[in-house]
Amino acid sequence: TTRWDTARRSCYAKALSCSQDDNFVGKVRLKFAALLEESHPAEARFEAERMIAHRARAGYAIPREAQSLVERLSAVTPNTTDRAFYGSLSDAAEALLFSHLPWTDACLGDVFTIEGRDGQKPRRRRRIYVKGNPFAIELSLPDSHPDIRRLAEGTPIKLQLETSKAEPKRTIIHRISRREDGTPMDIMPFRVGVIDHINHGKSLLHVIVARGVDGTCPISLCPWQVEIGTTVAVRLSQHHSKNGLRTRILEIEPTEQSPSADVCRPFREATNVTPSGLGFTLGDIFIPPHMITAEGVQAGDIVEGVAVASFDKKRGKWGMKAIKAKVVARNHFDFGGENDDWE
């Protein structure tokens, strides 16, 4: 078998994997059978006999080459072909068809179930994390997909895919291959962030990693005691939803590393308090009213604590908000009549 014959066989296999309508694929099936004769005689006889049977039912003439092929293989027991068989021979065709697409690094994620509606059965799907900038993009395929079935979570793979520029959430994965030089979850390095909110009612915690980059995860992912201000390392992915691009925390663990100063930093500054109970330090760190009340902060006090990045919707810009605060010195600074300017 020549290299050209292998490529032709692969293209015919790809064509048959796309359509099984014998009214249209008869000639393709016969050419495919002829190329199978040497390497897969049992399958070649099945393909030829299927083509002959269809033409006989339809009242068409039987091609001489089809009849000759079956006669040459009369001693061979035919073996049924199916989509899996065609797929096993389609690599060369797919390589040619998608040669314009680069390979993109990715890793396998977990399996999840989409509950069926209106009497439909539940569907099991597998998450796939594709290397992105700056974060991995989450896609999914049926868990039964032959190229990922039985592979462990985190397995490094590579993809040839196409994403719609008009609709970024629409992506088609064309080819999947193992990445032998990769390591589990290597496209998603841990990033340092800080826990800035805990919702005990919903058992969720919120982590901010950078300005505009944050996510939530179940408290159950943390086998240690969590509290606001804890520095953590997280793996993040993003996915397209009806509400836009969303960020999800996949893994979380404690860390001794420090987040960047524009995300979380300690402070020790004089603080002003407005008539409505809002606190602002000289460095423009916002201290929420409940902290002002709890600590009994008064205008001019020196307050020490930890602040995290926070988007001020009223001002339309990023700032810093205290998540921990305590008074360390009373009446240290005179703000005079500046209170009205701080609200």
Protein backbone atom coordinates (compact mmCIF):
# COMPACT_ATOMS: atom_id res chain seq x y z
CA THR A 1 0.00 0.00 0.00
CA THR A 2 1.43 3.36 -1.02
CA ARG A 3 1.27 6.53 1.01
CA TRP A 4 -1.19 7.90 -1.53
CA ASP A 5 -3.42 4.82 -1.15
CA THR A 6 -3.37 5.28 2.64
CA ALA A 7 -4.44 8.91 2.26
CA ARG A 8 -7.24 7.95 -0.16
CA ARG A 9 -8.45 5.19 2.17
CA SER A 10 -8.47 7.63 5.06
CA CYS A 11 -10.52 10.18 3.09
CA TYR A 12 -13.08 7.52 2.11
CA ALA A 13 -13.30 6.38 5.75
CA LYS A 14 -13.92 9.97 6.84
CA ALA A 15 -16.65 10.34 4.22
CA LEU A 16 -18.39 7.14 5.37
CA SER A 17 -18.19 8.21 9.00
CA CYS A 18 -20.20 11.30 8.02
CA SER A 19 -22.93 9.53 6.03
CA GLN A 20 -24.28 5.98 5.81
CA ASP A 21 -26.95 6.70 3.20
CA ASP A 22 -26.36 3.96 0.59
CA ASN A 23 -28.25 6.00 -1.99
CA PHE A 24 -25.31 8.41 -2.08
CA VAL A 25 -22.20 6.60 -0.83
CA GLY A 26 -22.26 3.47 -2.99
CA LYS A 27 -19.31 4.46 -5.20
CA VAL A 28 -17.33 5.67 -2.19
CA ARG A 29 -18.01 2.37 -0.40
CA LEU A 30 -16.75 0.34 -3.35
CA LYS A 31 -13.55 2.39 -3.71
CA PHE A 32 -13.04 2.09 0.05
CA ALA A 33 -13.50 -1.70 -0.11
CA ALA A 34 -10.92 -2.01 -2.89
CA LEU A 35 -8.35 -0.16 -0.76
CA LEU A 36 -9.18 -2.38 2.25
CA GLU A 37 -8.67 -5.65 0.40
CA GLU A 38 -5.03 -6.09 1.33
CA SER A 39 -4.99 -4.77 4.91
CA HIS A 40 -8.59 -5.49 6.08
CA PRO A 41 -10.04 -8.22 3.83
CA ALA A 42 -12.94 -9.13 6.14
CA GLU A 43 -14.10 -5.52 6.29
CA ALA A 44 -13.53 -5.11 2.54
CA ARG A 45 -15.88 -8.02 1.79
CA PHE A 46 -18.54 -6.57 4.14
CA GLU A 47 -18.37 -3.15 2.43
CA ALA A 48 -18.62 -4.66 -1.05
CA GLU A 49 -21.51 -6.97 -0.12
CA ARG A 50 -23.38 -4.10 1.51
CA MET A 51 -23.05 -2.08 -1.66
CA ILE A 52 -24.19 -5.06 -3.81
CA ALA A 53 -27.19 -5.78 -1.56
CA HIS A 54 -28.37 -2.17 -1.74
CA ARG A 55 -28.11 -2.02 -5.53
CA ALA A 56 -29.92 -5.35 -5.83
CA ARG A 57 -32.82 -4.09 -3.66
CA ALA A 58 -32.99 -0.89 -5.68
CA GLY A 59 -32.96 -2.78 -8.97
CA TYR A 60 -29.62 -1.34 -10.13
CA ALA A 61 -26.91 -3.17 -12.05
CA ILE A 62 -24.15 -4.73 -9.95
CA PRO A 63 -20.70 -3.27 -10.84
CA ARG A 64 -18.31 -5.89 -12.15
CA GLU A 65 -15.51 -4.74 -9.83
CA ALA A 66 -17.77 -5.25 -6.78
CA GLN A 67 -18.63 -8.79 -7.80
CA SER A 68 -14.96 -9.58 -8.57
CA LEU A 69 -13.86 -8.28 -5.16
CA VAL A 70 -16.35 -10.50 -3.34
CA GLU A 71 -15.25 -13.52 -5.40
CA ARG A 72 -11.57 -12.92 -4.57
CA LEU A 73 -12.49 -12.75 -0.87
CA SER A 74 -14.86 -15.72 -0.89
CA ALA A 75 -12.76 -17.57 1.67
CA VAL A 76 -12.89 -14.65 4.10
CA THR A 77 -15.68 -14.24 6.66
CA PRO A 78 -17.04 -10.67 6.40
CA ASN A 79 -16.64 -8.42 9.43
CA THR A 80 -19.14 -5.64 10.10
CA THR A 81 -17.81 -2.09 9.88
CA ASP A 82 -19.08 0.80 11.99
CA ARG A 83 -18.31 4.41 12.86
CA ALA A 84 -15.51 3.34 15.22
CA PHE A 85 -13.82 1.41 12.41
CA TYR A 86 -14.07 4.37 10.05
CA GLY A 87 -12.72 6.64 12.76
CA SER A 88 -9.68 4.40 13.29
CA LEU A 89 -8.70 4.96 9.65
CA SER A 90 -9.55 8.66 9.39
CA ASP A 91 -6.44 10.21 10.96
CA ALA A 92 -4.71 11.06 7.68
CA ALA A 93 -7.86 12.66 6.27
CA GLU A 94 -8.41 14.71 9.42
CA ALA A 95 -4.78 15.80 9.46
CA LEU A 96 -5.19 17.05 5.90
CA LEU A 97 -8.60 18.59 6.52
CA PHE A 98 -7.54 20.52 9.61
CA SER A 99 -3.90 21.19 8.72
CA HIS A 100 -4.58 24.95 8.82
CA LEU A 101 -5.48 24.79 12.53
CA PRO A 102 -2.69 24.92 15.15
CA TRP A 103 -2.58 22.47 18.04
CA THR A 104 -3.62 24.05 21.35
CA ASP A 105 -2.57 22.65 24.73
CA ALA A 106 -5.36 21.49 27.02
CA CYS A 107 -6.11 19.22 30.00
CA LEU A 108 -9.02 16.96 30.87
CA GLY A 109 -11.33 17.97 33.68
CA ASP A 110 -14.00 16.17 35.66
CA VAL A 111 -17.22 14.47 34.56
CA PHE A 112 -20.54 16.18 35.23
CA THR A 113 -24.17 15.38 34.51
CA ILE A 114 -26.78 17.54 32.80
CA GLU A 115 -30.20 16.53 34.05
CA GLY A 116 -32.68 15.56 31.34
CA ARG A 117 -35.77 17.64 30.64
CA ASP A 118 -39.17 16.69 29.25
CA GLY A 119 -38.49 12.97 29.60
CA GLN A 120 -34.98 13.08 28.16
CA LYS A 121 -32.20 11.05 29.76
CA PRO A 122 -29.45 12.75 31.79
CA ARG A 123 -26.28 13.45 29.80
CA ARG A 124 -22.79 12.85 31.14
CA ARG A 125 -20.19 15.30 29.86
CA ARG A 126 -16.46 15.84 30.40
CA ARG A 127 -14.88 19.22 31.04
CA ILE A 128 -11.87 20.18 28.95
CA TYR A 129 -9.66 23.10 29.93
CA VAL A 130 -8.00 24.82 26.97
CA LYS A 131 -4.95 27.02 27.39
CA GLY A 132 -5.98 30.67 27.20
CA ASN A 133 -4.69 34.13 27.92
CA PRO A 134 -4.58 34.71 30.79
CA PHE A 135 -6.79 31.85 32.01
CA ALA A 136 -7.85 28.44 30.71
CA ILE A 137 -11.18 28.32 28.89
CA GLU A 138 -13.63 25.60 29.92
CA LEU A 139 -15.27 23.53 27.18
CA SER A 140 -17.00 20.14 27.33
CA LEU A 141 -17.57 16.99 25.28
CA PRO A 142 -19.71 13.87 25.81
CA ASP A 143 -18.03 11.64 28.39
CA SER A 144 -18.31 8.77 25.89
CA HIS A 145 -16.12 10.50 23.29
CA PRO A 146 -13.64 7.81 22.15
CA ASP A 147 -10.58 10.10 22.34
CA ILE A 148 -11.06 10.92 26.04
CA ARG A 149 -12.95 7.93 27.42
CA ARG A 150 -11.22 6.32 30.43
CA LEU A 151 -8.50 9.00 30.59
CA ALA A 152 -7.75 10.36 34.07
CA GLU A 153 -8.71 13.84 35.22
CA GLY A 154 -5.84 16.25 34.55
CA THR A 155 -4.47 14.25 31.57
CA PRO A 156 -2.52 16.60 29.26
CA ILE A 157 -3.93 16.68 25.73
CA LYS A 158 -3.84 18.94 22.69
CA LEU A 159 -6.67 20.05 20.42
CA GLN A 160 -7.36 21.39 16.99
CA LEU A 161 -10.41 23.59 17.36
CA GLU A 162 -12.28 26.53 15.89
CA THR A 163 -13.95 29.33 17.86
CA SER A 164 -16.50 31.67 16.34
CA LYS A 165 -15.32 35.28 16.38
CA ALA A 166 -18.91 36.50 16.36
CA GLU A 167 -19.97 34.11 19.17
CA PRO A 168 -16.93 33.22 21.33
CA LYS A 169 -18.96 30.69 23.30
CA ARG A 170 -19.34 28.56 20.14
CA THR A 171 -16.30 26.29 19.76
CA ILE A 172 -15.92 23.11 17.70
CA ILE A 173 -13.25 20.60 18.69
CA HIS A 174 -12.07 18.75 15.58
CA ARG A 175 -9.16 16.62 16.79
CA ILE A 176 -7.80 15.42 20.14
CA SER A 177 -4.39 13.91 20.84
CA ARG A 178 -2.39 13.00 23.94
CA ARG A 179 0.43 15.35 24.94
CA GLU A 180 3.20 13.01 25.98
CA ASP A 181 5.50 15.81 27.20
CA GLY A 182 2.81 17.37 29.42
CA THR A 183 1.97 17.04 33.10
CA PRO A 184 -1.45 16.99 34.82
CA MET A 185 -3.16 20.40 34.77
CA ASP A 186 0.01 22.06 33.47
CA ILE A 187 -1.90 24.75 31.56
CA MET A 188 -3.38 26.12 34.79
CA PRO A 189 -0.67 27.28 37.19
CA PHE A 190 -1.69 28.24 40.69
CA ARG A 191 -2.28 31.96 41.21
CA VAL A 192 -2.15 33.76 44.54
CA GLY A 193 -5.24 35.51 45.85
CA VAL A 194 -7.03 36.33 49.07
CA ILE A 195 -10.39 35.32 50.56
CA ASP A 196 -12.36 38.57 50.83
CA HIS A 197 -15.85 37.26 51.55
CA ILE A 198 -17.50 34.16 53.01
CA ASN A 199 -21.18 33.35 52.53
CA HIS A 200 -21.90 30.81 55.25
CA GLY A 201 -25.57 30.59 54.21
CA LYS A 202 -24.63 29.28 50.76
CA SER A 203 -21.37 27.66 51.94
CA LEU A 204 -19.38 29.66 49.42
CA LEU A 205 -16.25 31.75 49.65
CA HIS A 206 -15.03 34.45 47.31
CA VAL A 207 -11.41 34.93 46.25
CA ILE A 208 -9.90 37.89 44.43
CA VAL A 209 -6.73 37.23 42.42
CA ALA A 210 -6.35 40.47 40.44
CA ARG A 211 -8.43 43.52 39.68
CA GLY A 212 -11.25 42.14 37.56
CA VAL A 213 -10.29 38.52 38.23
CA ASP A 214 -12.14 36.74 41.02
CA GLY A 215 -14.21 33.64 41.62
CA THR A 216 -16.19 31.58 44.09
CA CYS A 217 -15.95 28.01 45.28
CA PRO A 218 -17.64 25.79 47.85
CA ILE A 219 -16.19 26.00 51.36
CA SER A 220 -16.05 22.20 51.21
CA LEU A 221 -13.03 22.46 48.90
CA CYS A 222 -11.07 23.80 51.86
CA PRO A 223 -10.26 21.09 54.46
CA TRP A 224 -8.87 23.78 56.77
CA GLN A 225 -10.42 26.62 58.77
CA VAL A 226 -11.18 29.47 56.37
CA GLU A 227 -11.46 33.11 57.32
CA ILE A 228 -11.54 36.46 55.56
CA GLY A 229 -8.03 37.65 54.73
CA THR A 230 -6.53 34.17 54.27
CA THR A 231 -4.04 34.05 51.40
CA VAL A 232 -4.64 31.12 49.06
CA ALA A 233 -3.36 29.64 45.80
CA VAL A 234 -6.04 28.81 43.23
CA ARG A 235 -6.38 27.27 39.78
CA LEU A 236 -8.84 29.23 37.68
CA SER A 237 -10.80 28.64 34.49
CA GLN A 238 -13.21 30.81 32.57
CA HIS A 239 -16.34 29.82 30.67
CA HIS A 240 -18.87 31.60 28.51
CA SER A 241 -22.37 31.83 29.94
CA LYS A 242 -25.51 33.75 29.05
CA ASN A 243 -24.24 36.46 31.41
CA GLY A 244 -20.84 36.71 29.72
CA LEU A 245 -17.44 35.37 30.65
CA ARG A 246 -17.39 33.83 34.14
CA THR A 247 -14.47 32.69 36.30
CA ARG A 248 -14.51 29.48 38.33
CA ILE A 249 -12.11 28.19 40.99
CA LEU A 250 -11.13 24.58 40.32
CA GLU A 251 -8.62 24.02 43.13
CA ILE A 252 -7.69 25.98 46.23
CA GLU A 253 -4.99 25.50 48.83
CA PRO A 254 -3.31 27.61 51.53
CA THR A 255 -0.04 29.32 50.63
CA GLU A 256 2.75 31.32 52.25
CA GLN A 257 3.10 33.47 49.13
CA SER A 258 1.81 37.04 49.18
CA PRO A 259 -0.68 38.46 46.68
CA SER A 260 0.28 41.56 44.72
CA ALA A 261 0.02 44.85 46.64
CA ASP A 262 -2.75 46.17 44.38
CA VAL A 263 -4.88 43.16 45.38
CA CYS A 264 -4.21 42.90 49.10
CA ARG A 265 -1.98 44.83 51.48
CA PRO A 266 -1.71 45.78 55.13
CA PHE A 267 -2.29 49.40 56.16
CA ARG A 268 -1.81 51.66 59.17
CA GLU A 269 -3.31 55.06 58.52
CA ALA A 270 -5.25 57.93 59.99
CA THR A 271 -8.96 57.52 59.32
CA ASN A 272 -11.81 59.91 58.82
CA VAL A 273 -15.44 59.03 59.55
CA THR A 274 -18.32 60.67 57.70
CA PRO A 275 -21.63 61.61 59.36
CA SER A 276 -23.22 58.54 57.74
CA GLY A 277 -20.63 56.22 59.32
CA LEU A 278 -18.34 55.56 56.36
CA GLY A 279 -14.62 55.32 57.01
CA PHE A 280 -11.82 56.50 54.70
CA THR A 281 -8.12 56.48 55.47
CA LEU A 282 -5.68 59.12 54.26
CA GLY A 283 -4.63 56.60 51.60
CA ASP A 284 -8.28 56.40 50.45
CA ILE A 285 -8.95 52.93 51.84
CA PHE A 286 -12.66 52.44 52.47
CA ILE A 287 -13.68 51.02 55.86
CA PRO A 288 -17.28 49.69 55.86
CA PRO A 289 -19.75 51.03 58.46
CA HIS A 290 -20.01 47.72 60.33
CA MET A 291 -16.25 47.80 61.02
CA ILE A 292 -16.42 51.45 62.06
CA THR A 293 -19.18 50.58 64.55
CA ALA A 294 -17.56 47.35 65.81
CA GLU A 295 -14.21 49.04 66.50
CA GLY A 296 -15.66 52.35 67.61
CA VAL A 297 -13.50 54.20 65.07
CA GLN A 298 -13.65 57.99 65.32
CA ALA A 299 -12.29 60.68 63.01
CA GLY A 300 -8.56 61.08 63.56
CA ASP A 301 -7.92 57.56 64.86
CA ILE A 302 -5.03 55.50 63.52
CA VAL A 303 -6.46 52.27 62.14
CA GLU A 304 -4.45 49.19 61.30
CA GLY A 305 -5.71 46.37 59.14
CA VAL A 306 -5.77 44.58 55.81
CA ALA A 307 -7.33 45.94 52.60
CA VAL A 308 -8.27 44.21 49.36
CA ALA A 309 -9.08 45.52 45.89
CA SER A 310 -12.70 46.48 45.45
CA PHE A 311 -14.59 48.05 42.56
CA ASP A 312 -16.43 51.22 43.58
CA LYS A 313 -19.57 51.31 41.44
CA LYS A 314 -20.41 54.84 42.57
CA ARG A 315 -17.05 56.21 41.46
CA GLY A 316 -16.69 53.77 38.59
CA LYS A 317 -13.14 52.80 39.51
CA TRP A 318 -11.07 50.34 41.52
CA GLY A 319 -10.03 51.13 45.05
CA MET A 320 -9.15 49.33 48.28
CA LYS A 321 -11.56 48.17 50.99
CA ALA A 322 -10.68 47.06 54.50
CA ILE A 323 -11.48 43.46 55.41
CA LYS A 324 -9.79 43.71 58.80
CA ALA A 325 -9.45 46.82 60.91
CA LYS A 326 -8.64 47.83 64.50
CA VAL A 327 -7.86 51.12 66.23
CA VAL A 328 -4.25 51.41 67.42
CA ALA A 329 -4.20 55.11 68.39
CA ARG A 330 -6.95 57.56 69.28
CA ASN A 331 -7.40 61.14 68.05
CA HIS A 332 -4.09 61.17 66.23
CA PHE A 333 -5.00 63.37 63.26
CA ASP A 334 -7.23 66.44 62.88
CA PHE A 335 -9.37 66.26 59.76
CA GLY A 336 -11.02 69.59 60.59
CA GLY A 337 -14.22 70.15 58.60
CA GLU A 338 -13.34 67.76 55.81
CA ASN A 339 -16.08 65.24 56.55
CA ASP A 340 -18.50 66.54 53.95
CA ASP A 341 -15.96 66.01 51.17
CA TRP A 342 -15.51 62.30 51.86
CA GLU A 343 -18.99 61.05 51.01
